[in-house]
N, C-alpha and C. Protein backbone atom coordinates (compact mmCIF):
# COMPACT_ATOMS: atom_id res chain seq x y z
N MET A 1 33.69 14.18 -25.47
CA MET A 1 34.60 14.60 -24.30
C MET A 1 33.82 14.02 -23.06
N ARG A 2 34.57 13.44 -22.24
CA ARG A 2 34.18 12.45 -21.25
C ARG A 2 34.09 13.50 -19.98
N GLN A 3 32.75 13.49 -19.31
CA GLN A 3 32.62 14.34 -18.28
C GLN A 3 33.04 13.59 -16.97
N ASN A 4 33.83 14.30 -16.02
CA ASN A 4 34.11 13.76 -14.84
C ASN A 4 33.16 14.04 -13.69
N PHE A 5 32.38 12.96 -13.49
CA PHE A 5 31.36 13.03 -12.18
C PHE A 5 32.11 12.50 -11.14
N ARG A 6 31.70 13.40 -9.89
CA ARG A 6 32.33 12.94 -8.55
C ARG A 6 31.22 12.12 -7.90
N THR A 7 31.69 10.96 -7.44
CA THR A 7 30.75 10.24 -6.70
C THR A 7 31.25 10.11 -5.21
N MET A 8 30.37 9.81 -4.40
CA MET A 8 30.50 9.59 -2.91
C MET A 8 30.00 8.11 -2.47
N THR A 9 30.49 7.66 -1.28
CA THR A 9 29.95 6.46 -0.84
C THR A 9 28.89 7.00 0.12
N PHE A 10 27.78 6.29 0.01
CA PHE A 10 26.63 6.43 1.01
C PHE A 10 26.20 5.23 1.64
N THR A 11 25.83 5.30 2.85
CA THR A 11 25.36 4.03 3.57
C THR A 11 23.93 3.98 3.58
N ALA A 12 23.34 2.95 3.03
CA ALA A 12 21.92 2.96 3.03
C ALA A 12 21.45 1.79 4.24
N LEU A 13 20.81 2.29 5.04
CA LEU A 13 20.32 1.40 6.27
C LEU A 13 18.74 1.13 5.96
N ILE A 14 18.53 -0.32 5.74
CA ILE A 14 17.17 -0.66 5.27
C ILE A 14 16.63 -1.58 6.31
N ASN A 15 15.40 -1.37 6.83
CA ASN A 15 14.62 -2.26 7.55
C ASN A 15 13.47 -2.84 6.89
N VAL A 16 13.46 -4.16 6.86
CA VAL A 16 12.29 -4.85 6.29
C VAL A 16 11.56 -5.47 7.27
N MET A 17 10.23 -5.27 7.33
CA MET A 17 9.33 -5.74 8.36
C MET A 17 8.23 -6.32 7.76
N PRO A 18 7.51 -7.52 8.46
CA PRO A 18 6.37 -7.96 7.92
C PRO A 18 5.26 -6.91 7.92
N LEU A 19 4.34 -7.12 7.02
CA LEU A 19 3.12 -6.00 7.27
C LEU A 19 2.45 -6.17 8.43
N LYS A 20 1.93 -5.11 8.91
CA LYS A 20 1.15 -5.19 10.31
C LYS A 20 0.05 -6.23 10.16
N GLU A 21 -0.69 -6.24 9.23
CA GLU A 21 -1.86 -7.01 9.04
C GLU A 21 -1.55 -8.58 9.08
N LEU A 22 -0.39 -8.97 8.98
CA LEU A 22 0.09 -10.40 8.58
C LEU A 22 0.50 -11.00 9.97
N LEU A 23 0.35 -12.17 10.02
CA LEU A 23 0.82 -12.95 11.31
C LEU A 23 2.39 -13.01 11.04
N ASP A 24 3.10 -13.00 12.22
CA ASP A 24 4.51 -13.03 12.11
C ASP A 24 4.79 -14.31 13.13
N PRO A 25 4.95 -15.39 12.45
CA PRO A 25 5.21 -16.61 13.13
C PRO A 25 6.38 -16.63 14.10
N GLN A 26 7.67 -16.01 13.43
CA GLN A 26 8.95 -16.02 14.30
C GLN A 26 8.60 -15.12 15.47
N GLY A 27 7.75 -13.89 15.33
CA GLY A 27 7.60 -12.80 16.27
C GLY A 27 6.83 -13.66 17.38
N LYS A 28 5.77 -14.40 16.97
CA LYS A 28 4.86 -15.06 18.00
C LYS A 28 5.70 -16.12 18.68
N THR A 29 6.64 -16.90 18.22
CA THR A 29 7.49 -17.87 18.67
C THR A 29 8.37 -17.14 19.87
N VAL A 30 8.89 -16.03 19.46
CA VAL A 30 9.71 -15.27 20.44
C VAL A 30 9.01 -14.83 21.60
N LEU A 31 7.77 -14.30 21.24
CA LEU A 31 6.92 -13.64 22.36
C LEU A 31 6.69 -14.80 23.41
N GLY A 32 6.23 -15.98 22.75
CA GLY A 32 6.01 -17.14 23.74
C GLY A 32 7.20 -17.51 24.45
N GLY A 33 8.51 -17.54 23.91
CA GLY A 33 9.67 -17.87 24.65
C GLY A 33 9.90 -16.69 25.76
N LEU A 34 9.85 -15.41 25.58
CA LEU A 34 9.87 -14.27 26.49
C LEU A 34 8.90 -14.49 27.72
N ASN A 35 7.62 -15.04 27.23
CA ASN A 35 6.65 -15.09 28.43
C ASN A 35 7.15 -16.48 29.24
N ASN A 36 7.74 -17.50 28.60
CA ASN A 36 8.01 -18.60 29.37
C ASN A 36 9.15 -18.24 30.28
N LEU A 37 10.05 -17.13 29.90
CA LEU A 37 11.09 -16.77 30.82
C LEU A 37 10.71 -15.83 31.92
N GLY A 38 9.33 -15.61 31.99
CA GLY A 38 8.91 -14.72 32.94
C GLY A 38 8.79 -13.15 32.64
N MET A 39 9.06 -12.84 31.32
CA MET A 39 9.05 -11.51 30.83
C MET A 39 7.58 -11.25 30.25
N LYS A 40 6.85 -10.86 31.33
CA LYS A 40 5.28 -10.75 30.98
C LYS A 40 4.98 -9.49 30.48
N GLY A 41 5.89 -8.35 30.51
CA GLY A 41 5.60 -7.13 30.01
C GLY A 41 5.56 -6.76 28.58
N VAL A 42 6.17 -7.85 27.89
CA VAL A 42 6.15 -7.86 26.40
C VAL A 42 5.00 -8.30 25.86
N HIS A 43 4.32 -7.59 24.94
CA HIS A 43 2.98 -7.77 24.43
C HIS A 43 2.98 -8.11 22.96
N ASP A 44 4.07 -7.77 22.31
CA ASP A 44 4.22 -8.12 20.73
C ASP A 44 5.50 -8.07 20.35
N VAL A 45 5.83 -9.01 19.46
CA VAL A 45 7.14 -9.10 18.78
C VAL A 45 7.03 -9.13 17.45
N ARG A 46 7.87 -8.29 16.70
CA ARG A 46 7.75 -8.46 15.14
C ARG A 46 9.26 -8.60 14.81
N ILE A 47 9.50 -9.72 14.05
CA ILE A 47 10.89 -9.96 13.55
C ILE A 47 11.03 -9.52 12.10
N GLY A 48 12.12 -8.82 11.74
CA GLY A 48 12.36 -8.46 10.36
C GLY A 48 13.79 -8.47 10.04
N LYS A 49 14.23 -7.85 9.06
CA LYS A 49 15.43 -7.78 8.61
C LYS A 49 16.17 -6.40 8.62
N HIS A 50 17.39 -6.28 8.95
CA HIS A 50 18.16 -5.11 8.86
C HIS A 50 19.23 -5.25 7.86
N ILE A 51 19.28 -4.36 6.75
CA ILE A 51 20.21 -4.57 5.81
C ILE A 51 20.96 -3.25 5.71
N THR A 52 22.26 -3.40 5.38
CA THR A 52 23.14 -2.29 5.10
C THR A 52 23.89 -2.19 3.87
N LEU A 53 23.76 -1.21 3.14
CA LEU A 53 24.30 -1.24 1.73
C LEU A 53 25.24 -0.15 1.68
N GLN A 54 26.45 -0.41 1.06
CA GLN A 54 27.47 0.73 0.67
C GLN A 54 27.24 1.03 -0.73
N ILE A 55 26.84 2.36 -1.12
CA ILE A 55 26.43 2.66 -2.40
C ILE A 55 27.18 3.67 -2.93
N GLU A 56 27.89 3.67 -4.18
CA GLU A 56 28.54 4.92 -4.79
C GLU A 56 27.62 5.33 -5.44
N ALA A 57 27.43 6.71 -5.21
CA ALA A 57 26.38 7.56 -6.12
C ALA A 57 26.78 8.98 -6.23
N GLY A 58 26.30 9.58 -7.05
CA GLY A 58 26.40 11.20 -7.26
C GLY A 58 25.86 11.97 -6.28
N SER A 59 24.82 11.58 -5.59
CA SER A 59 24.05 12.26 -4.66
C SER A 59 23.28 11.32 -3.78
N LYS A 60 22.77 11.97 -2.79
CA LYS A 60 21.90 11.25 -1.67
C LYS A 60 20.72 10.76 -2.28
N GLU A 61 20.07 11.49 -3.16
CA GLU A 61 18.91 10.93 -3.76
C GLU A 61 19.17 9.89 -4.82
N ASP A 62 20.39 10.02 -5.48
CA ASP A 62 20.69 8.73 -6.37
C ASP A 62 20.79 7.58 -5.54
N ALA A 63 21.53 7.74 -4.34
CA ALA A 63 21.75 6.61 -3.48
C ALA A 63 20.27 5.92 -2.93
N TYR A 64 19.48 6.82 -2.74
CA TYR A 64 18.24 6.40 -2.17
C TYR A 64 17.48 5.74 -3.35
N SER A 65 17.40 6.16 -4.47
CA SER A 65 16.88 5.55 -5.61
C SER A 65 17.61 4.15 -5.87
N ILE A 66 18.86 3.95 -5.74
CA ILE A 66 19.50 2.66 -5.98
C ILE A 66 19.04 1.67 -4.83
N ALA A 67 18.87 2.26 -3.63
CA ALA A 67 18.44 1.28 -2.40
C ALA A 67 17.13 0.91 -2.56
N GLU A 68 16.27 1.85 -3.10
CA GLU A 68 14.71 1.56 -3.20
C GLU A 68 14.61 0.55 -4.37
N ASN A 69 15.30 0.60 -5.48
CA ASN A 69 15.19 -0.42 -6.59
C ASN A 69 15.69 -1.68 -6.01
N ALA A 70 16.76 -1.86 -5.41
CA ALA A 70 17.07 -3.13 -4.64
C ALA A 70 16.04 -3.70 -3.77
N CYS A 71 15.34 -2.89 -3.08
CA CYS A 71 14.29 -3.30 -2.10
C CYS A 71 13.15 -3.89 -2.99
N GLN A 72 12.63 -3.08 -4.03
CA GLN A 72 11.58 -3.40 -4.82
C GLN A 72 11.96 -4.81 -5.52
N LYS A 73 13.18 -4.90 -5.98
CA LYS A 73 13.53 -6.01 -6.95
C LYS A 73 14.10 -7.48 -6.12
N LEU A 74 14.47 -6.97 -4.99
CA LEU A 74 15.16 -8.30 -4.44
C LEU A 74 15.04 -8.23 -2.92
N LEU A 75 15.14 -7.29 -2.09
CA LEU A 75 15.28 -7.35 -0.73
C LEU A 75 14.13 -7.52 0.01
N ALA A 76 13.04 -7.08 -0.41
CA ALA A 76 11.64 -7.12 0.18
C ALA A 76 10.67 -7.71 -0.72
N ASN A 77 9.81 -8.66 -0.05
CA ASN A 77 8.63 -9.09 -0.63
C ASN A 77 7.43 -8.18 -0.43
N GLN A 78 7.09 -7.18 -1.38
CA GLN A 78 6.18 -6.21 -1.15
C GLN A 78 4.71 -6.69 -0.98
N VAL A 79 4.41 -8.06 -1.12
CA VAL A 79 3.12 -8.70 -0.80
C VAL A 79 3.03 -8.83 0.70
N MET A 80 4.22 -9.29 1.23
CA MET A 80 4.17 -9.57 2.80
C MET A 80 4.91 -8.59 3.74
N GLU A 81 5.89 -7.64 3.02
CA GLU A 81 6.59 -6.84 3.79
C GLU A 81 6.60 -5.31 3.36
N PHE A 82 6.99 -4.37 4.27
CA PHE A 82 7.22 -3.04 3.93
C PHE A 82 8.73 -2.73 4.35
N TYR A 83 9.21 -1.71 3.75
CA TYR A 83 10.66 -1.38 3.96
C TYR A 83 10.89 0.06 4.40
N GLU A 84 11.69 0.35 5.01
CA GLU A 84 12.15 1.86 5.27
C GLU A 84 13.64 1.96 5.00
N ILE A 85 13.89 3.17 4.26
CA ILE A 85 15.28 3.40 3.90
C ILE A 85 15.77 4.65 4.41
N THR A 86 17.02 4.65 5.19
CA THR A 86 17.76 5.86 5.52
C THR A 86 19.14 5.77 4.94
N ILE A 87 19.33 7.08 4.39
CA ILE A 87 20.72 7.12 3.85
C ILE A 87 21.60 8.05 4.60
N GLN A 88 22.83 7.60 4.84
CA GLN A 88 23.71 8.36 5.75
C GLN A 88 24.81 8.82 4.76
C-alpha cells in the first residue's frame, strides 16, 4: 500500500562567505575602489555568494538537510568558505 506523504515548498536562503582567516582578493579590490571614491569609513569588505533554493520536502528539517547536503557537496568549498542556511 502506497502512503500519501504531503510535501511543502520551502525556500532555503544560503550565504556562502570566505573564511575570516583567509584573504578575500575581491573584497580587498572593492575596499580599494571605495577608498578611491572617498568612502574612507569602510574598513573591511568581504564578498561571498547568496543562493536561494526552492525545495520540496515533508518538513522544515528535511528541507534544511537537503540544503546542507547541497552546500557540502557543491555550493561551498569548505576548505575556503563557510555557509549559513535559513529555511523559510
